[in-house]
Amino acid sequence: CSSTSTFSSSSTNYRPAVILPGLGNNTGDYKKLKFTLQEYGVPTVVAKVSRIDWLRNAAGLVDPNYWKGTLQPRPVLDCRYLKRVDDAVQEAEELAQGGKLSVIGHSAGGWLARVYMEEFGLSHISLLLTLGTPHLPPPKGLPGVIDQTRGLLYYVQQHCKKAVYTPELKYVCIAGRYLQGARFVNDSKVAVEPTATIDDDQQVSDVAVVKNKTDSTPVSTTFQARFVGQGYKQVCGEADVWGDGVVPEVSAHLEGALNISLDGVYHSPVGSDDVSRPWYGSPAVVEQWIHHLLN
């Protein structure tokens, strides 16, 4: 018997959800996640994005701001991603029949959701749930660290509304602890402190950072750990930190949000396996965060 049957009901429909694909992913990558959510009674729409759409964003290479590291969402993402997101939101609004929506952003889809909410409004959204999203721009001035978004994350940090977890609009950020990275020999170590905290004056009793570090993959100095560590370093400035294999844990949390870390969770649906390498959308993992969509 599927674990989803606990919540599932043919007569119960929760607020609709819109899934925003991550960098390089297409709509089809989230077909199984959509089915899983619908089993719980959550009508789900996936933004229509193809892999070629991401390649088209390479047009930003001709923008001088790309080379300066000062890119802005428009015009780079203007006619592609944000328009597709708005189409999906409008489709979900019809399902909501005047009610609220949940937005689920995977990877880059999480911070792009914040850009969308800033530009298109958020009155119809009651939850932003991000899965392995690199919310924080990398620290500046570190040797060998290059901002992969070429300034887009700095723009989000400076121009998008800060996350504030409230009953009206909940921010939930989930990080995976799949593999701890490792430094190459002579790679300088820079202390990176987690900045994802909850302000003391927030009147929300159920806001907390959930972590269980006992079941994660053991520390490894294999080539894989060093390779992954270099990827982590490009995101947060440090290699020997925990992450989901692509995004470090510290970067996937956002100040003011309900921040959760899940052990053994891999970053992407591509290359994942529900048994040996589950990702954020695998049924057993969804079971750990689905309640945020149901209340």
Protein backbone atom coordinates (compact mmCIF):
# COMPACT_ATOMS: atom_id res chain seq x y z
CA CYS A 1 0.00 0.00 0.00
CA SER A 2 1.45 3.36 -0.99
CA SER A 3 2.28 5.80 1.79
CA THR A 4 0.42 8.47 -0.15
CA SER A 5 -2.85 6.74 0.67
CA THR A 6 -2.70 8.24 4.15
CA PHE A 7 -3.47 11.67 2.70
CA SER A 8 -5.04 10.77 -0.59
CA SER A 9 -8.74 11.06 -1.15
CA SER A 10 -10.73 11.08 -4.36
CA SER A 11 -13.01 13.73 -2.85
CA THR A 12 -10.29 15.97 -1.43
CA ASN A 13 -8.39 18.52 -3.46
CA TYR A 14 -5.80 20.73 -1.82
CA ARG A 15 -4.58 23.99 -3.26
CA PRO A 16 -2.95 23.49 -6.67
CA ALA A 17 0.83 23.45 -7.05
CA VAL A 18 3.01 24.81 -9.82
CA ILE A 19 6.40 23.15 -10.36
CA LEU A 20 9.23 25.29 -11.74
CA PRO A 21 11.95 23.19 -13.39
CA GLY A 22 15.60 23.65 -12.51
CA LEU A 23 18.45 24.63 -14.79
CA GLY A 24 18.78 22.16 -17.67
CA ASN A 25 15.65 20.24 -16.73
CA ASN A 26 12.53 19.95 -18.83
CA THR A 27 8.86 19.45 -18.05
CA GLY A 28 9.06 15.69 -18.51
CA ASP A 29 11.63 15.32 -15.74
CA TYR A 30 8.86 16.12 -13.23
CA LYS A 31 6.19 13.79 -14.58
CA LYS A 32 6.57 11.33 -11.71
CA LEU A 33 6.62 14.09 -9.08
CA LYS A 34 3.43 15.52 -10.58
CA PHE A 35 1.79 12.10 -10.36
CA THR A 36 2.94 11.67 -6.74
CA LEU A 37 1.50 15.04 -5.71
CA GLN A 38 -1.77 14.28 -7.45
CA GLU A 39 -1.95 11.01 -5.50
CA TYR A 40 -2.01 13.17 -2.38
CA GLY A 41 -4.86 15.21 -3.82
CA VAL A 42 -2.73 18.15 -4.98
CA PRO A 43 -3.60 19.26 -8.55
CA THR A 44 -0.26 20.03 -10.20
CA VAL A 45 0.92 22.00 -13.21
CA VAL A 46 4.52 21.86 -14.44
CA ALA A 47 5.83 24.94 -16.26
CA LYS A 48 6.45 24.00 -19.89
CA VAL A 49 10.21 24.25 -20.28
CA SER A 50 12.44 22.33 -22.69
CA ARG A 51 16.17 21.80 -22.52
CA ILE A 52 16.60 23.91 -25.65
CA ASP A 53 14.97 26.82 -23.80
CA TRP A 54 17.90 26.86 -21.40
CA LEU A 55 20.35 26.88 -24.29
CA ARG A 56 18.56 29.88 -25.75
CA ASN A 57 19.42 31.78 -22.60
CA ALA A 58 23.00 31.64 -23.82
CA ALA A 59 22.05 34.81 -25.67
CA GLY A 60 23.16 36.49 -22.47
CA LEU A 61 26.73 35.87 -23.61
CA VAL A 62 26.45 38.88 -25.90
CA ASP A 63 25.40 41.07 -22.99
CA PRO A 64 28.37 43.02 -21.55
CA ASN A 65 26.83 42.48 -18.10
CA TYR A 66 27.49 38.76 -18.47
CA TRP A 67 31.22 39.37 -18.51
CA LYS A 68 30.96 41.93 -15.72
CA GLY A 69 28.96 39.52 -13.58
CA THR A 70 26.05 41.96 -13.33
CA LEU A 71 23.32 40.19 -15.31
CA GLN A 72 19.66 40.91 -14.53
CA PRO A 73 16.71 38.59 -15.19
CA ARG A 74 15.48 40.76 -18.05
CA PRO A 75 16.06 40.44 -20.93
CA VAL A 76 17.96 37.15 -20.47
CA LEU A 77 14.94 35.25 -19.10
CA ASP A 78 12.30 37.63 -20.35
CA CYS A 79 10.52 35.75 -23.11
CA ARG A 80 11.43 32.26 -22.05
CA TYR A 81 11.25 31.06 -18.49
CA LEU A 82 9.18 33.78 -16.80
CA LYS A 83 6.52 33.66 -19.51
CA ARG A 84 6.28 29.87 -19.20
CA VAL A 85 5.96 30.22 -15.43
CA ASP A 86 3.16 32.75 -15.78
CA ASP A 87 1.31 30.46 -18.19
CA ALA A 88 1.54 27.61 -15.66
CA VAL A 89 0.40 29.85 -12.81
CA GLN A 90 -2.63 30.99 -14.81
CA GLU A 91 -3.53 27.37 -15.53
CA ALA A 92 -3.25 26.55 -11.82
CA GLU A 93 -5.36 29.59 -10.93
CA GLU A 94 -8.21 28.12 -12.96
CA LEU A 95 -7.90 24.92 -10.93
CA ALA A 96 -7.82 26.94 -7.70
CA GLN A 97 -11.14 28.62 -8.51
CA GLY A 98 -10.24 31.76 -6.61
CA GLY A 99 -8.14 30.03 -3.98
CA LYS A 100 -4.41 30.17 -3.30
CA LEU A 101 -1.52 28.33 -4.98
CA SER A 102 1.65 26.59 -3.90
CA VAL A 103 4.81 27.13 -5.93
CA ILE A 104 7.51 24.45 -5.90
CA GLY A 105 10.84 25.58 -7.30
CA HIS A 106 13.52 22.98 -7.98
CA SER A 107 17.13 24.18 -8.11
CA ALA A 108 17.29 27.45 -10.09
CA GLY A 109 13.51 27.28 -10.29
CA GLY A 110 13.42 28.33 -6.64
CA TRP A 111 15.14 31.68 -7.04
CA LEU A 112 13.43 32.22 -10.39
CA ALA A 113 10.17 31.80 -8.50
CA ARG A 114 11.21 34.71 -6.30
CA VAL A 115 11.89 36.80 -9.41
CA TYR A 116 8.47 35.83 -10.76
CA MET A 117 6.76 36.74 -7.47
CA GLU A 118 8.54 40.09 -7.45
CA GLU A 119 7.48 41.01 -10.97
CA PHE A 120 4.07 39.38 -11.29
CA GLY A 121 2.82 39.67 -7.71
CA LEU A 122 2.30 37.12 -4.97
CA SER A 123 -1.25 37.73 -3.72
CA HIS A 124 -2.35 34.38 -5.20
CA ILE A 125 0.55 32.40 -3.67
CA SER A 126 0.46 31.02 -0.14
CA LEU A 127 3.56 28.80 -0.19
CA LEU A 128 6.95 28.87 -1.88
CA LEU A 129 8.70 25.55 -1.36
CA THR A 130 12.19 25.23 -2.81
CA LEU A 131 14.10 22.01 -3.43
CA GLY A 132 17.88 22.27 -3.61
CA THR A 133 17.78 25.91 -4.66
CA PRO A 134 21.03 27.92 -4.49
CA HIS A 135 19.51 30.99 -2.83
CA LEU A 136 22.72 32.72 -1.83
CA PRO A 137 25.24 34.23 -4.27
CA PRO A 138 28.82 33.04 -3.81
CA PRO A 139 31.12 35.23 -1.71
CA LYS A 140 33.05 37.72 -3.77
CA GLY A 141 36.81 37.94 -4.01
CA LEU A 142 37.70 34.27 -3.42
CA PRO A 143 40.37 32.84 -5.76
CA GLY A 144 38.94 30.33 -8.20
CA VAL A 145 35.31 31.10 -7.37
CA ILE A 146 33.17 32.26 -10.31
CA ASP A 147 29.51 33.19 -9.99
CA GLN A 148 27.80 30.67 -12.28
CA THR A 149 24.73 32.91 -12.58
CA ARG A 150 26.88 35.89 -13.65
CA GLY A 151 25.19 38.27 -11.23
CA LEU A 152 21.62 36.96 -11.28
CA LEU A 153 21.74 35.71 -7.69
CA TYR A 154 23.14 39.04 -6.51
CA TYR A 155 20.19 40.69 -8.25
CA VAL A 156 17.75 38.37 -6.48
CA GLN A 157 19.38 39.06 -3.12
CA GLN A 158 19.23 42.82 -3.61
CA HIS A 159 15.88 43.29 -5.36
CA CYS A 160 13.54 40.48 -4.36
CA LYS A 161 11.50 40.60 -1.17
CA LYS A 162 13.08 38.97 1.85
CA ALA A 163 11.61 35.69 2.98
CA VAL A 164 9.31 36.01 5.97
CA TYR A 165 7.51 32.86 7.08
CA THR A 166 3.93 33.84 7.89
CA PRO A 167 0.58 32.01 7.89
CA GLU A 168 -0.35 33.97 4.75
CA LEU A 169 2.84 33.22 2.81
CA LYS A 170 5.09 30.40 3.92
CA TYR A 171 8.66 30.00 2.72
CA VAL A 172 10.02 26.46 3.05
CA CYS A 173 13.54 25.68 1.81
CA ILE A 174 14.71 22.07 1.66
CA ALA A 175 18.37 21.10 1.34
CA GLY A 176 19.73 17.63 0.66
CA ARG A 177 22.68 16.04 2.46
CA TYR A 178 23.76 13.46 -0.09
CA LEU A 179 27.54 13.88 -0.14
CA GLN A 180 30.15 15.86 1.71
CA GLY A 181 32.65 17.51 -0.61
CA ALA A 182 36.39 17.51 -0.12
CA ARG A 183 39.12 20.01 -0.92
CA PHE A 184 41.96 19.42 -3.31
CA VAL A 185 45.39 19.55 -1.72
CA ASN A 186 46.48 23.13 -0.93
CA ASP A 187 42.96 24.39 -1.57
CA SER A 188 42.46 27.23 0.87
CA LYS A 189 39.71 26.79 3.44
CA VAL A 190 37.34 29.67 3.99
CA ALA A 191 34.89 29.52 6.86
CA VAL A 192 31.33 29.80 5.66
CA GLU A 193 28.75 30.22 8.38
CA PRO A 194 25.13 29.29 7.66
CA THR A 195 23.08 32.45 7.29
CA ALA A 196 19.71 30.74 7.18
CA THR A 197 18.18 31.73 10.50
CA ILE A 198 14.83 32.83 11.81
CA ASP A 199 14.48 36.28 13.32
CA ASP A 200 13.68 36.18 17.03
CA ASP A 201 10.73 38.51 16.62
CA GLN A 202 8.91 36.26 14.14
CA GLN A 203 5.71 35.04 15.76
CA VAL A 204 5.63 31.63 14.13
CA SER A 205 5.89 28.73 16.53
CA ASP A 206 6.55 26.00 13.98
CA VAL A 207 9.56 27.66 12.32
CA ALA A 208 12.70 25.65 12.93
CA VAL A 209 15.77 24.25 11.26
CA VAL A 210 15.41 20.50 10.97
CA LYS A 211 18.63 18.54 10.68
CA ASN A 212 19.59 14.94 11.18
CA LYS A 213 23.24 14.38 10.44
CA THR A 214 23.51 10.78 11.58
CA ASP A 215 22.50 8.95 8.41
CA SER A 216 24.26 10.98 5.74
CA THR A 217 26.88 9.49 3.48
CA PRO A 218 30.17 9.21 5.45
CA VAL A 219 32.99 11.66 4.83
CA SER A 220 34.95 10.61 1.77
CA THR A 221 38.11 11.87 0.13
CA THR A 222 37.46 10.02 -3.10
CA PHE A 223 37.77 11.71 -6.45
CA GLN A 224 33.99 12.07 -6.49
CA ALA A 225 34.07 13.98 -3.19
CA ARG A 226 36.82 16.28 -4.47
CA PHE A 227 35.03 16.83 -7.77
CA VAL A 228 31.73 17.57 -6.05
CA GLY A 229 33.57 19.77 -3.56
CA GLN A 230 34.83 21.98 -6.35
CA GLY A 231 31.24 22.41 -7.50
CA TYR A 232 30.19 23.33 -3.97
CA LYS A 233 33.01 25.85 -3.81
CA GLN A 234 31.69 27.66 -6.87
CA VAL A 235 28.35 28.06 -5.09
CA CYS A 236 29.26 28.85 -1.48
CA GLY A 237 33.02 29.43 -1.47
CA GLU A 238 33.90 26.26 0.40
CA ALA A 239 34.52 22.71 -0.80
CA ASP A 240 34.33 20.48 2.28
CA VAL A 241 30.67 21.04 3.13
CA TRP A 242 27.58 18.88 2.90
CA GLY A 243 25.24 19.16 -0.05
CA ASP A 244 22.99 17.30 -2.47
CA GLY A 245 25.78 16.61 -4.93
CA VAL A 246 25.29 19.93 -6.72
CA VAL A 247 24.09 22.60 -4.27
CA PRO A 248 25.65 22.94 -0.80
CA GLU A 249 23.34 22.74 2.18
CA VAL A 250 24.22 26.23 3.42
CA SER A 251 23.25 27.79 0.07
CA ALA A 252 19.91 25.97 -0.14
CA HIS A 253 18.65 27.64 3.05
CA LEU A 254 17.26 31.14 3.13
CA GLU A 255 17.16 33.60 5.99
CA GLY A 256 13.60 34.00 7.27
CA ALA A 257 12.33 30.71 5.81
CA LEU A 258 11.53 27.40 7.43
CA ASN A 259 14.76 25.60 6.56
CA ILE A 260 14.92 21.82 6.44
CA SER A 261 17.78 19.42 5.70
CA LEU A 262 17.10 15.86 4.59
CA ASP A 263 19.73 13.13 4.69
CA GLY A 264 20.62 11.07 1.64
CA VAL A 265 18.77 13.27 -0.85
CA TYR A 266 20.27 13.83 -4.31
CA HIS A 267 19.85 17.02 -6.32
CA SER A 268 18.27 16.09 -9.64
CA PRO A 269 15.61 13.79 -11.08
CA VAL A 270 18.10 13.06 -13.85
CA GLY A 271 20.42 10.33 -12.63
CA SER A 272 18.37 9.64 -9.53
CA ASP A 273 17.03 6.33 -8.28
CA ASP A 274 14.17 6.10 -5.83
CA VAL A 275 15.98 3.38 -3.87
CA SER A 276 19.74 3.96 -3.99
CA ARG A 277 19.85 7.64 -4.97
CA PRO A 278 16.54 9.32 -4.17
CA TRP A 279 16.05 12.94 -5.16
CA TYR A 280 13.76 15.58 -3.67
CA GLY A 281 10.83 14.34 -5.74
CA SER A 282 11.17 10.63 -4.97
CA PRO A 283 8.04 9.31 -3.22
CA ALA A 284 9.80 8.51 0.08
CA VAL A 285 11.28 12.03 0.15
CA VAL A 286 8.05 13.75 -0.86
CA GLU A 287 6.47 12.03 2.12
CA GLN A 288 8.76 14.10 4.36
CA TRP A 289 7.65 17.49 2.98
CA ILE A 290 4.16 16.97 1.53
CA HIS A 291 2.44 18.19 4.70
CA HIS A 292 3.48 21.75 3.85
CA LEU A 293 1.17 21.55 0.82
CA LEU A 294 -1.69 19.99 2.74
CA ASN A 295 -2.20 22.46 5.58
